[in-house]
Amino acid sequence: MLTFKNYNIADWFSFYRIFAAPFLVLIIWSGQRELFTWLLLLSYSTDMIDGFLARKLKITSPRGSQLDSMGDQITLVVGFIGLLRFEFEFISEQYQWILIPFVLYCIQMIIAFKKYRKATAFHTYLAKLSAVIQAVFILWLLFFGPVYWLFYTMIIIGIVETIEEILLIFLYPQWVAGVKGYIWARNDKRRERKQQEEEQT
C-alpha cells in the first residue's frame, strides 16, 4: 500500500507540477499573463530539479519516471492553453505546423495505451531535448514574443522525438522506463530478456 512516506523528494517536485496545473488554468482564465508566465517558469524549473535529484540521490524508479512524464505532459498542456489565451494570433497563424506533432503525439498515446494500458516514460535524450526547447520557446514567447527559428526547431525535434517513441513502443513488448533512445534500445538487455522468455514459452 502506497503512503506519503513512499514518495521521495523527486516525486514531490513532480506532484507540484500536477497540483499546480488547475491553479495555472485559473490564472489564465483571470487574464494575468505575467503571473502565469512566472509560475509556468517555476513549474518548468521543478522538472529540471526532480530529474537532477533523482540521478544525484540515486532514487530513480519506474514510478518516479511515470510521475515525471505525467507532470511534463500536464505542464505542456497548460502552457499551450496559456498560449491560446495570450498569443492566440500566433497560434492561429501557425496552427498547421502545430497540428503535425500534435496528431503524431495522439497516435503515439493511442498505441501506448493499447499496448501498455498507460503512457510511456522512456525519457529518451530526444524527449528531454524536445521538452527543453518547448519550455524555452513557450516562455520566450510569453515574456518577449515569438522567435520563429526556435519555433520551427521545436516542431521538427518534436516530430522526430515522437516517431522515435512510436518505434520504441514496437520494440518493447512490456512497459519500461529509462530508455536513452532507439539506438540504445537495440541492445537493451531488458528487451532481449523478454524476447528470450517468449521464445522459451
N, C-alpha and C. Protein backbone atom coordinates (compact mmCIF):
# COMPACT_ATOMS: atom_id res chain seq x y z
N MET A 1 0.84 -1.20 0.00
CA MET A 1 0.00 0.00 0.00
C MET A 1 0.87 1.25 0.00
N LEU A 2 0.56 2.18 -0.92
CA LEU A 2 1.35 3.41 -1.01
C LEU A 2 0.87 4.44 0.00
N THR A 3 1.81 5.04 0.71
CA THR A 3 1.51 6.14 1.62
C THR A 3 2.44 7.29 1.29
N PHE A 4 2.25 8.41 1.95
CA PHE A 4 3.07 9.59 1.66
C PHE A 4 4.55 9.32 1.84
N LYS A 5 4.89 8.46 2.82
CA LYS A 5 6.31 8.20 3.07
C LYS A 5 6.95 7.39 1.96
N ASN A 6 6.14 6.78 1.09
CA ASN A 6 6.69 6.00 -0.01
C ASN A 6 7.24 6.88 -1.13
N TYR A 7 6.87 8.16 -1.13
CA TYR A 7 7.31 9.06 -2.18
C TYR A 7 8.57 9.80 -1.73
N ASN A 8 9.50 9.95 -2.69
CA ASN A 8 10.74 10.66 -2.36
C ASN A 8 10.65 12.11 -2.80
N ILE A 9 11.72 12.87 -2.55
CA ILE A 9 11.69 14.31 -2.81
C ILE A 9 11.54 14.62 -4.30
N ALA A 10 12.11 13.79 -5.16
CA ALA A 10 11.96 14.00 -6.60
C ALA A 10 10.50 13.82 -7.02
N ASP A 11 9.82 12.82 -6.43
CA ASP A 11 8.40 12.60 -6.73
C ASP A 11 7.57 13.82 -6.37
N TRP A 12 7.90 14.45 -5.26
CA TRP A 12 7.09 15.59 -4.82
C TRP A 12 7.26 16.79 -5.73
N PHE A 13 8.40 16.95 -6.36
CA PHE A 13 8.55 18.01 -7.36
C PHE A 13 7.65 17.72 -8.56
N SER A 14 7.53 16.45 -8.92
CA SER A 14 6.61 16.07 -10.00
C SER A 14 5.17 16.35 -9.58
N PHE A 15 4.84 15.99 -8.33
CA PHE A 15 3.50 16.28 -7.82
C PHE A 15 3.19 17.77 -7.87
N TYR A 16 4.20 18.61 -7.61
CA TYR A 16 3.97 20.04 -7.65
C TYR A 16 3.43 20.47 -9.02
N ARG A 17 4.07 19.98 -10.08
CA ARG A 17 3.62 20.35 -11.43
C ARG A 17 2.19 19.91 -11.68
N ILE A 18 1.86 18.73 -11.18
CA ILE A 18 0.49 18.22 -11.37
C ILE A 18 -0.52 19.05 -10.59
N PHE A 19 -0.22 19.32 -9.32
CA PHE A 19 -1.15 20.06 -8.47
C PHE A 19 -1.25 21.53 -8.87
N ALA A 20 -0.16 22.08 -9.45
CA ALA A 20 -0.16 23.49 -9.83
C ALA A 20 -1.01 23.76 -11.07
N ALA A 21 -1.25 22.73 -11.87
CA ALA A 21 -1.93 22.90 -13.16
C ALA A 21 -3.29 23.59 -13.06
N PRO A 22 -4.21 23.13 -12.19
CA PRO A 22 -5.52 23.81 -12.13
C PRO A 22 -5.43 25.26 -11.69
N PHE A 23 -4.47 25.58 -10.82
CA PHE A 23 -4.30 26.97 -10.39
C PHE A 23 -3.77 27.83 -11.54
N LEU A 24 -2.90 27.25 -12.35
CA LEU A 24 -2.40 27.96 -13.53
C LEU A 24 -3.52 28.23 -14.52
N VAL A 25 -4.42 27.27 -14.66
CA VAL A 25 -5.57 27.46 -15.55
C VAL A 25 -6.46 28.59 -15.04
N LEU A 26 -6.65 28.66 -13.74
CA LEU A 26 -7.44 29.76 -13.15
C LEU A 26 -6.78 31.11 -13.42
N ILE A 27 -5.45 31.15 -13.34
CA ILE A 27 -4.73 32.39 -13.61
C ILE A 27 -4.87 32.77 -15.08
N ILE A 28 -4.83 31.78 -15.97
CA ILE A 28 -5.06 32.05 -17.39
C ILE A 28 -6.44 32.65 -17.59
N TRP A 29 -7.44 32.03 -16.96
CA TRP A 29 -8.82 32.49 -17.09
C TRP A 29 -8.99 33.93 -16.59
N SER A 30 -8.22 34.28 -15.54
CA SER A 30 -8.31 35.64 -14.99
C SER A 30 -7.52 36.65 -15.82
N GLY A 31 -6.75 36.17 -16.80
CA GLY A 31 -6.05 37.06 -17.71
C GLY A 31 -4.75 37.64 -17.18
N GLN A 32 -4.17 37.03 -16.14
CA GLN A 32 -2.94 37.56 -15.54
C GLN A 32 -1.72 36.92 -16.23
N ARG A 33 -1.36 37.48 -17.36
CA ARG A 33 -0.31 36.91 -18.19
C ARG A 33 1.04 36.84 -17.48
N GLU A 34 1.46 37.93 -16.86
CA GLU A 34 2.78 37.96 -16.24
C GLU A 34 2.88 36.96 -15.10
N LEU A 35 1.84 36.92 -14.24
CA LEU A 35 1.85 35.96 -13.13
C LEU A 35 1.87 34.54 -13.65
N PHE A 36 1.07 34.27 -14.66
CA PHE A 36 1.05 32.93 -15.25
C PHE A 36 2.42 32.54 -15.79
N THR A 37 3.08 33.45 -16.48
CA THR A 37 4.38 33.15 -17.09
C THR A 37 5.42 32.83 -16.04
N TRP A 38 5.45 33.60 -14.96
CA TRP A 38 6.44 33.34 -13.90
C TRP A 38 6.17 32.01 -13.20
N LEU A 39 4.89 31.70 -12.96
CA LEU A 39 4.56 30.43 -12.30
C LEU A 39 4.80 29.24 -13.24
N LEU A 40 4.59 29.47 -14.54
CA LEU A 40 4.90 28.41 -15.50
C LEU A 40 6.41 28.15 -15.53
N LEU A 41 7.19 29.21 -15.44
CA LEU A 41 8.64 29.08 -15.34
C LEU A 41 9.02 28.26 -14.11
N LEU A 42 8.33 28.49 -13.01
CA LEU A 42 8.58 27.73 -11.78
C LEU A 42 8.27 26.24 -12.00
N SER A 43 7.16 25.95 -12.67
CA SER A 43 6.81 24.56 -12.95
C SER A 43 7.86 23.88 -13.82
N TYR A 44 8.29 24.58 -14.85
CA TYR A 44 9.34 24.02 -15.71
C TYR A 44 10.64 23.81 -14.92
N SER A 45 10.92 24.70 -13.99
CA SER A 45 12.14 24.57 -13.19
C SER A 45 12.11 23.32 -12.33
N THR A 46 10.93 22.99 -11.79
CA THR A 46 10.83 21.78 -10.96
C THR A 46 11.10 20.52 -11.77
N ASP A 47 10.84 20.58 -13.08
CA ASP A 47 11.14 19.43 -13.94
C ASP A 47 12.64 19.16 -13.98
N MET A 48 13.43 20.22 -14.08
CA MET A 48 14.88 20.06 -14.07
C MET A 48 15.37 19.61 -12.70
N ILE A 49 14.75 20.14 -11.65
CA ILE A 49 15.19 19.83 -10.29
C ILE A 49 14.93 18.37 -9.95
N ASP A 50 13.72 17.86 -10.28
CA ASP A 50 13.42 16.48 -9.87
C ASP A 50 14.29 15.47 -10.62
N GLY A 51 14.59 15.76 -11.88
CA GLY A 51 15.48 14.87 -12.62
C GLY A 51 16.88 14.86 -12.06
N PHE A 52 17.37 16.04 -11.70
CA PHE A 52 18.71 16.15 -11.12
C PHE A 52 18.78 15.42 -9.78
N LEU A 53 17.76 15.63 -8.93
CA LEU A 53 17.76 15.00 -7.61
C LEU A 53 17.67 13.47 -7.73
N ALA A 54 16.83 13.01 -8.65
CA ALA A 54 16.67 11.56 -8.81
C ALA A 54 17.98 10.90 -9.20
N ARG A 55 18.73 11.55 -10.10
CA ARG A 55 20.02 10.98 -10.51
C ARG A 55 21.08 11.15 -9.43
N LYS A 56 21.12 12.33 -8.81
CA LYS A 56 22.14 12.62 -7.81
C LYS A 56 21.99 11.73 -6.58
N LEU A 57 20.75 11.55 -6.14
CA LEU A 57 20.48 10.77 -4.93
C LEU A 57 20.25 9.30 -5.24
N LYS A 58 20.29 8.95 -6.54
CA LYS A 58 20.09 7.57 -6.99
C LYS A 58 18.75 7.03 -6.50
N ILE A 59 17.70 7.81 -6.75
CA ILE A 59 16.35 7.42 -6.33
C ILE A 59 15.42 7.32 -7.53
N THR A 60 16.00 7.04 -8.69
CA THR A 60 15.18 6.86 -9.88
C THR A 60 14.37 5.58 -9.75
N SER A 61 13.16 5.60 -10.30
CA SER A 61 12.28 4.43 -10.24
C SER A 61 11.26 4.53 -11.36
N PRO A 62 10.67 3.38 -11.76
CA PRO A 62 9.61 3.43 -12.77
C PRO A 62 8.45 4.33 -12.37
N ARG A 63 8.08 4.28 -11.07
CA ARG A 63 7.00 5.15 -10.60
C ARG A 63 7.37 6.61 -10.73
N GLY A 64 8.61 6.94 -10.37
CA GLY A 64 9.06 8.32 -10.50
C GLY A 64 9.09 8.78 -11.94
N SER A 65 9.51 7.89 -12.85
CA SER A 65 9.52 8.23 -14.27
C SER A 65 8.12 8.51 -14.78
N GLN A 66 7.16 7.69 -14.32
CA GLN A 66 5.78 7.89 -14.75
C GLN A 66 5.20 9.19 -14.21
N LEU A 67 5.49 9.49 -12.95
CA LEU A 67 5.04 10.75 -12.36
C LEU A 67 5.66 11.95 -13.09
N ASP A 68 6.94 11.83 -13.41
CA ASP A 68 7.63 12.90 -14.11
C ASP A 68 7.01 13.13 -15.48
N SER A 69 6.74 12.05 -16.20
CA SER A 69 6.11 12.17 -17.52
C SER A 69 4.73 12.80 -17.42
N MET A 70 3.96 12.40 -16.40
CA MET A 70 2.64 12.97 -16.21
C MET A 70 2.71 14.47 -15.94
N GLY A 71 3.65 14.85 -15.07
CA GLY A 71 3.84 16.27 -14.77
C GLY A 71 4.25 17.06 -15.99
N ASP A 72 5.14 16.47 -16.81
CA ASP A 72 5.58 17.14 -18.03
C ASP A 72 4.43 17.35 -18.99
N GLN A 73 3.63 16.29 -19.21
CA GLN A 73 2.52 16.38 -20.15
C GLN A 73 1.48 17.40 -19.71
N ILE A 74 1.16 17.39 -18.42
CA ILE A 74 0.17 18.34 -17.91
C ILE A 74 0.68 19.77 -18.02
N THR A 75 1.96 19.97 -17.71
CA THR A 75 2.54 21.32 -17.80
C THR A 75 2.55 21.81 -19.24
N LEU A 76 2.86 20.91 -20.18
CA LEU A 76 2.85 21.29 -21.59
C LEU A 76 1.45 21.70 -22.04
N VAL A 77 0.43 20.95 -21.61
CA VAL A 77 -0.95 21.28 -21.96
C VAL A 77 -1.34 22.64 -21.39
N VAL A 78 -0.97 22.88 -20.14
CA VAL A 78 -1.28 24.17 -19.51
C VAL A 78 -0.56 25.30 -20.24
N GLY A 79 0.69 25.06 -20.61
CA GLY A 79 1.43 26.07 -21.36
C GLY A 79 0.75 26.40 -22.68
N PHE A 80 0.25 25.37 -23.36
CA PHE A 80 -0.43 25.60 -24.64
C PHE A 80 -1.75 26.34 -24.44
N ILE A 81 -2.46 26.02 -23.36
CA ILE A 81 -3.69 26.76 -23.04
C ILE A 81 -3.36 28.24 -22.83
N GLY A 82 -2.24 28.49 -22.14
CA GLY A 82 -1.80 29.87 -21.93
C GLY A 82 -1.51 30.58 -23.25
N LEU A 83 -0.88 29.86 -24.18
CA LEU A 83 -0.61 30.46 -25.50
C LEU A 83 -1.90 30.76 -26.24
N LEU A 84 -2.88 29.86 -26.14
CA LEU A 84 -4.17 30.11 -26.78
C LEU A 84 -4.84 31.37 -26.22
N ARG A 85 -4.64 31.59 -24.93
CA ARG A 85 -5.27 32.75 -24.28
C ARG A 85 -4.50 34.03 -24.56
N PHE A 86 -3.19 33.98 -24.49
CA PHE A 86 -2.40 35.21 -24.55
C PHE A 86 -1.71 35.45 -25.89
N GLU A 87 -1.58 34.40 -26.70
CA GLU A 87 -0.92 34.54 -28.01
C GLU A 87 -1.75 33.84 -29.09
N PHE A 88 -3.05 34.11 -29.07
CA PHE A 88 -3.95 33.43 -29.99
C PHE A 88 -3.62 33.74 -31.45
N GLU A 89 -3.21 34.96 -31.73
CA GLU A 89 -2.89 35.33 -33.11
C GLU A 89 -1.74 34.49 -33.66
N PHE A 90 -0.71 34.31 -32.85
CA PHE A 90 0.43 33.49 -33.29
C PHE A 90 0.00 32.04 -33.51
N ILE A 91 -0.78 31.49 -32.59
CA ILE A 91 -1.23 30.10 -32.70
C ILE A 91 -2.10 29.92 -33.94
N SER A 92 -2.99 30.86 -34.21
CA SER A 92 -3.87 30.75 -35.38
C SER A 92 -3.09 30.84 -36.68
N GLU A 93 -1.98 31.59 -36.67
CA GLU A 93 -1.15 31.71 -37.86
C GLU A 93 -0.34 30.44 -38.12
N GLN A 94 0.03 29.74 -37.06
CA GLN A 94 0.94 28.59 -37.17
C GLN A 94 0.27 27.25 -36.86
N TYR A 95 -1.05 27.21 -36.85
CA TYR A 95 -1.73 26.01 -36.38
C TYR A 95 -1.45 24.79 -37.25
N GLN A 96 -1.18 25.00 -38.56
CA GLN A 96 -0.90 23.84 -39.42
C GLN A 96 0.37 23.12 -38.96
N TRP A 97 1.40 23.90 -38.60
CA TRP A 97 2.64 23.31 -38.12
C TRP A 97 2.43 22.63 -36.77
N ILE A 98 1.64 23.24 -35.93
CA ILE A 98 1.41 22.70 -34.59
C ILE A 98 0.63 21.39 -34.66
N LEU A 99 -0.26 21.27 -35.63
CA LEU A 99 -1.08 20.07 -35.75
C LEU A 99 -0.27 18.81 -36.06
N ILE A 100 0.84 18.97 -36.79
CA ILE A 100 1.62 17.80 -37.20
C ILE A 100 2.16 17.02 -35.99
N PRO A 101 2.94 17.66 -35.09
CA PRO A 101 3.41 16.91 -33.91
C PRO A 101 2.27 16.53 -32.97
N PHE A 102 1.21 17.35 -32.93
CA PHE A 102 0.08 17.04 -32.05
C PHE A 102 -0.62 15.75 -32.48
N VAL A 103 -0.87 15.61 -33.77
CA VAL A 103 -1.52 14.40 -34.29
C VAL A 103 -0.63 13.18 -34.06
N LEU A 104 0.67 13.34 -34.33
CA LEU A 104 1.61 12.24 -34.08
C LEU A 104 1.62 11.85 -32.61
N TYR A 105 1.58 12.84 -31.73
CA TYR A 105 1.57 12.58 -30.30
C TYR A 105 0.31 11.80 -29.90
N CYS A 106 -0.82 12.18 -30.46
CA CYS A 106 -2.07 11.47 -30.16
C CYS A 106 -1.99 10.02 -30.62
N ILE A 107 -1.40 9.80 -31.80
CA ILE A 107 -1.22 8.44 -32.31
C ILE A 107 -0.32 7.64 -31.37
N GLN A 108 0.77 8.28 -30.94
CA GLN A 108 1.70 7.61 -30.03
C GLN A 108 1.01 7.23 -28.71
N MET A 109 0.17 8.13 -28.18
CA MET A 109 -0.54 7.85 -26.94
C MET A 109 -1.53 6.70 -27.12
N ILE A 110 -2.24 6.68 -28.25
CA ILE A 110 -3.20 5.61 -28.51
C ILE A 110 -2.50 4.26 -28.58
N ILE A 111 -1.37 4.21 -29.28
CA ILE A 111 -0.60 2.96 -29.39
C ILE A 111 -0.10 2.52 -28.02
N ALA A 112 0.39 3.48 -27.22
CA ALA A 112 0.92 3.16 -25.89
C ALA A 112 -0.17 2.61 -24.98
N PHE A 113 -1.33 3.26 -24.96
CA PHE A 113 -2.41 2.81 -24.08
C PHE A 113 -2.99 1.48 -24.54
N LYS A 114 -2.98 1.26 -25.85
CA LYS A 114 -3.47 -0.02 -26.36
C LYS A 114 -2.53 -1.15 -25.97
N LYS A 115 -1.23 -0.88 -25.97
CA LYS A 115 -0.24 -1.92 -25.67
C LYS A 115 0.08 -2.04 -24.18
N TYR A 116 0.28 -0.89 -23.50
CA TYR A 116 0.72 -0.91 -22.11
C TYR A 116 -0.37 -0.56 -21.11
N ARG A 117 -1.48 -0.03 -21.58
CA ARG A 117 -2.56 0.47 -20.72
C ARG A 117 -2.15 1.72 -19.93
N LYS A 118 -1.08 2.36 -20.36
CA LYS A 118 -0.66 3.62 -19.74
C LYS A 118 0.34 4.31 -20.67
N ALA A 119 0.63 5.57 -20.36
CA ALA A 119 1.55 6.35 -21.19
C ALA A 119 2.98 5.86 -21.02
N THR A 120 3.79 6.12 -22.02
CA THR A 120 5.20 5.73 -21.94
C THR A 120 5.97 6.66 -21.01
N ALA A 121 7.12 6.20 -20.58
CA ALA A 121 8.02 7.02 -19.77
C ALA A 121 9.45 6.67 -20.14
N PHE A 122 9.74 6.66 -21.45
CA PHE A 122 11.06 6.28 -21.92
C PHE A 122 12.13 7.29 -21.50
N HIS A 123 11.76 8.58 -21.52
CA HIS A 123 12.71 9.64 -21.16
C HIS A 123 13.98 9.58 -22.00
N THR A 124 13.80 9.50 -23.30
CA THR A 124 14.94 9.46 -24.22
C THR A 124 15.66 10.80 -24.24
N TYR A 125 16.87 10.78 -24.79
CA TYR A 125 17.60 12.04 -24.94
C TYR A 125 16.84 13.02 -25.82
N LEU A 126 16.21 12.50 -26.89
CA LEU A 126 15.43 13.37 -27.77
C LEU A 126 14.24 13.96 -27.05
N ALA A 127 13.60 13.17 -26.19
CA ALA A 127 12.45 13.66 -25.44
C ALA A 127 12.85 14.78 -24.49
N LYS A 128 14.01 14.60 -23.85
CA LYS A 128 14.49 15.64 -22.93
C LYS A 128 14.84 16.91 -23.69
N LEU A 129 15.51 16.75 -24.85
CA LEU A 129 15.85 17.92 -25.67
C LEU A 129 14.60 18.62 -26.15
N SER A 130 13.61 17.84 -26.60
CA SER A 130 12.35 18.41 -27.07
C SER A 130 11.65 19.18 -25.96
N ALA A 131 11.64 18.62 -24.75
CA ALA A 131 10.98 19.28 -23.61
C ALA A 131 11.65 20.60 -23.27
N VAL A 132 12.97 20.62 -23.32
CA VAL A 132 13.71 21.86 -23.02
C VAL A 132 13.40 22.94 -24.06
N ILE A 133 13.41 22.55 -25.33
CA ILE A 133 13.15 23.52 -26.39
C ILE A 133 11.71 24.03 -26.31
N GLN A 134 10.77 23.14 -26.01
CA GLN A 134 9.37 23.55 -25.85
C GLN A 134 9.24 24.57 -24.72
N ALA A 135 9.89 24.28 -23.60
CA ALA A 135 9.81 25.18 -22.45
C ALA A 135 10.41 26.54 -22.79
N VAL A 136 11.58 26.53 -23.42
CA VAL A 136 12.24 27.79 -23.77
C VAL A 136 11.39 28.59 -24.74
N PHE A 137 10.84 27.92 -25.75
CA PHE A 137 10.03 28.64 -26.73
C PHE A 137 8.77 29.24 -26.09
N ILE A 138 8.04 28.43 -25.33
CA ILE A 138 6.79 28.91 -24.72
C ILE A 138 7.06 30.08 -23.79
N LEU A 139 8.08 29.95 -22.94
CA LEU A 139 8.38 31.03 -22.00
C LEU A 139 8.87 32.28 -22.72
N TRP A 140 9.71 32.10 -23.74
CA TRP A 140 10.21 33.26 -24.50
C TRP A 140 9.07 33.98 -25.21
N LEU A 141 8.16 33.18 -25.77
CA LEU A 141 7.01 33.78 -26.45
C LEU A 141 6.15 34.58 -25.48
N LEU A 142 5.93 34.04 -24.29
CA LEU A 142 5.10 34.73 -23.31
C LEU A 142 5.79 35.96 -22.73
N PHE A 143 7.10 35.88 -22.53
CA PHE A 143 7.84 37.01 -21.97
C PHE A 143 8.13 38.10 -23.01
N PHE A 144 8.57 37.68 -24.20
CA PHE A 144 9.12 38.65 -25.16
C PHE A 144 8.46 38.65 -26.54
N GLY A 145 7.93 37.51 -26.95
CA GLY A 145 7.37 37.42 -28.29
C GLY A 145 7.97 36.24 -29.05
N PRO A 146 7.45 35.96 -30.25
CA PRO A 146 7.88 34.75 -30.99
C PRO A 146 9.28 34.84 -31.58
N VAL A 147 9.97 33.71 -31.56
CA VAL A 147 11.23 33.54 -32.27
C VAL A 147 10.99 32.39 -33.24
N TYR A 148 10.92 32.70 -34.53
CA TYR A 148 10.42 31.72 -35.49
C TYR A 148 11.38 30.56 -35.72
N TRP A 149 12.69 30.82 -35.73
CA TRP A 149 13.61 29.70 -35.93
C TRP A 149 13.53 28.72 -34.77
N LEU A 150 13.28 29.23 -33.56
CA LEU A 150 13.14 28.36 -32.40
C LEU A 150 11.83 27.58 -32.48
N PHE A 151 10.80 28.22 -32.99
CA PHE A 151 9.50 27.55 -33.16
C PHE A 151 9.62 26.37 -34.12
N TYR A 152 10.25 26.59 -35.28
CA TYR A 152 10.37 25.51 -36.27
C TYR A 152 11.32 24.41 -35.78
N THR A 153 12.34 24.79 -35.04
CA THR A 153 13.22 23.79 -34.43
C THR A 153 12.44 22.91 -33.45
N MET A 154 11.60 23.55 -32.65
CA MET A 154 10.75 22.83 -31.69
C MET A 154 9.84 21.84 -32.41
N ILE A 155 9.23 22.27 -33.51
CA ILE A 155 8.32 21.41 -34.26
C ILE A 155 9.06 20.21 -34.83
N ILE A 156 10.20 20.45 -35.47
CA ILE A 156 10.95 19.37 -36.12
C ILE A 156 11.42 18.34 -35.10
N ILE A 157 12.01 18.81 -34.00
CA ILE A 157 12.50 17.89 -32.97
C ILE A 157 11.34 17.14 -32.32
N GLY A 158 10.22 17.83 -32.14
CA GLY A 158 9.04 17.18 -31.59
C GLY A 158 8.54 16.05 -32.47
N ILE A 159 8.57 16.26 -33.79
CA ILE A 159 8.15 15.22 -34.74
C ILE A 159 9.09 14.02 -34.67
N VAL A 160 10.39 14.29 -34.74
CA VAL A 160 11.38 13.20 -34.72
C VAL A 160 11.31 12.43 -33.40
N GLU A 161 11.17 13.16 -32.30
CA GLU A 161 11.11 12.52 -30.99
C GLU A 161 9.88 11.62 -30.86
N THR A 162 8.73 12.07 -31.37
CA THR A 162 7.51 11.27 -31.27
C THR A 162 7.59 10.02 -32.14
N ILE A 163 8.19 10.14 -33.32
CA ILE A 163 8.39 8.97 -34.17
C ILE A 163 9.29 7.95 -33.47
N GLU A 164 10.33 8.44 -32.80
CA GLU A 164 11.21 7.54 -32.06
C GLU A 164 10.44 6.84 -30.94
N GLU A 165 9.57 7.55 -30.25
CA GLU A 165 8.77 6.95 -29.18
C GLU A 165 7.89 5.83 -29.73
N ILE A 166 7.29 6.05 -30.90
CA ILE A 166 6.44 5.04 -31.52
C ILE A 166 7.26 3.80 -31.85
N LEU A 167 8.45 4.00 -32.40
CA LEU A 167 9.33 2.86 -32.71
C LEU A 167 9.70 2.08 -31.45
N LEU A 168 9.95 2.81 -30.37
CA LEU A 168 10.31 2.15 -29.11
C LEU A 168 9.15 1.32 -28.56
N ILE A 169 7.94 1.80 -28.74
CA ILE A 169 6.77 1.03 -28.28
C ILE A 169 6.72 -0.32 -28.98
N PHE A 170 7.03 -0.32 -30.27
CA PHE A 170 7.02 -1.59 -31.01
C PHE A 170 8.21 -2.48 -30.63
N LEU A 171 9.29 -1.86 -30.15
CA LEU A 171 10.47 -2.64 -29.75
C LEU A 171 10.28 -3.34 -28.41
N TYR A 172 9.55 -2.71 -27.49
CA TYR A 172 9.42 -3.25 -26.13
C TYR A 172 8.05 -3.91 -25.93
N PRO A 173 8.02 -5.21 -25.72
CA PRO A 173 6.75 -5.90 -25.50
C PRO A 173 6.04 -5.44 -24.23
N GLN A 174 6.83 -5.08 -23.22
CA GLN A 174 6.26 -4.63 -21.95
C GLN A 174 6.76 -3.23 -21.62
N TRP A 175 6.01 -2.53 -20.76
CA TRP A 175 6.32 -1.16 -20.37
C TRP A 175 7.65 -1.12 -19.63
N VAL A 176 8.53 -0.21 -20.03
CA VAL A 176 9.80 0.02 -19.33
C VAL A 176 10.02 1.52 -19.23
N ALA A 177 10.87 1.91 -18.30
CA ALA A 177 11.23 3.32 -18.13
C ALA A 177 12.72 3.48 -18.34
N GLY A 178 13.12 4.67 -18.73
CA GLY A 178 14.54 4.96 -18.83
C GLY A 178 15.23 4.35 -20.02
N VAL A 179 14.80 4.71 -21.23
CA VAL A 179 15.44 4.26 -22.46
C VAL A 179 16.08 5.47 -23.13
N LYS A 180 17.37 5.42 -23.37
CA LYS A 180 18.08 6.59 -23.89
C LYS A 180 17.66 6.96 -25.31
N GLY A 181 17.32 5.96 -26.11
CA GLY A 181 16.93 6.22 -27.49
C GLY A 181 16.86 4.94 -28.28
N TYR A 182 16.48 5.04 -29.54
CA TYR A 182 16.29 3.87 -30.39
C TYR A 182 17.58 3.07 -30.55
N ILE A 183 18.70 3.77 -30.76
CA ILE A 183 19.99 3.08 -30.97
C ILE A 183 20.34 2.24 -29.75
N TRP A 184 20.19 2.82 -28.56
CA TRP A 184 20.50 2.11 -27.32
C TRP A 184 19.52 0.96 -27.09
N ALA A 185 18.27 1.16 -27.50
CA ALA A 185 17.25 0.14 -27.27
C ALA A 185 17.53 -1.15 -28.02
N ARG A 186 18.24 -1.04 -29.13
CA ARG A 186 18.52 -2.24 -29.93
C ARG A 186 19.33 -3.27 -29.14
N ASN A 187 20.14 -2.78 -28.19
CA ASN A 187 20.98 -3.68 -27.38
C ASN A 187 20.56 -3.72 -25.91
N ASP A 188 19.34 -3.29 -25.64
CA ASP A 188 18.84 -3.26 -24.26
C ASP A 188 18.56 -4.69 -23.79
N LYS A 189 19.20 -5.10 -22.71
CA LYS A 189 19.05 -6.46 -22.20
C LYS A 189 17.63 -6.73 -21.72
N ARG A 190 16.91 -5.68 -21.28
CA ARG A 190 15.53 -5.89 -20.85
C ARG A 190 14.66 -6.38 -21.99
N ARG A 191 14.89 -5.81 -23.17
CA ARG A 191 14.13 -6.24 -24.35
C ARG A 191 14.55 -7.63 -24.79
N GLU A 192 15.86 -7.87 -24.77
CA GLU A 192 16.39 -9.17 -25.16
C GLU A 192 15.91 -10.28 -24.22
N ARG A 193 15.85 -9.97 -22.92
CA ARG A 193 15.43 -10.96 -21.94
C ARG A 193 13.97 -11.34 -22.15
N LYS A 194 13.14 -10.35 -22.47
CA LYS A 194 11.73 -10.62 -22.71
C LYS A 194 11.55 -11.47 -23.96
N GLN A 195 12.34 -11.20 -24.99
CA GLN A 195 12.26 -11.99 -26.22
C GLN A 195 12.66 -13.44 -25.96
N GLN A 196 13.69 -13.65 -25.14
CA GLN A 196 14.12 -15.00 -24.80
C GLN A 196 13.05 -15.76 -24.04
N GLU A 197 12.37 -15.06 -23.13
CA GLU A 197 11.29 -15.68 -22.36
C GLU A 197 10.14 -16.12 -23.26
N GLU A 198 9.84 -15.25 -24.26
CA GLU A 198 8.75 -15.58 -25.18
C GLU A 198 9.13 -16.78 -26.06
N GLU A 199 10.40 -16.87 -26.45
CA GLU A 199 10.86 -17.98 -27.28
C GLU A 199 10.81 -19.30 -26.51
N GLN A 200 11.07 -19.23 -25.19
CA GLN A 200 11.08 -20.44 -24.37
C GLN A 200 9.69 -20.97 -24.11
N THR A 201 8.69 -20.06 -24.13
CA THR A 201 7.30 -20.45 -23.87
C THR A 201 6.59 -20.74 -25.16
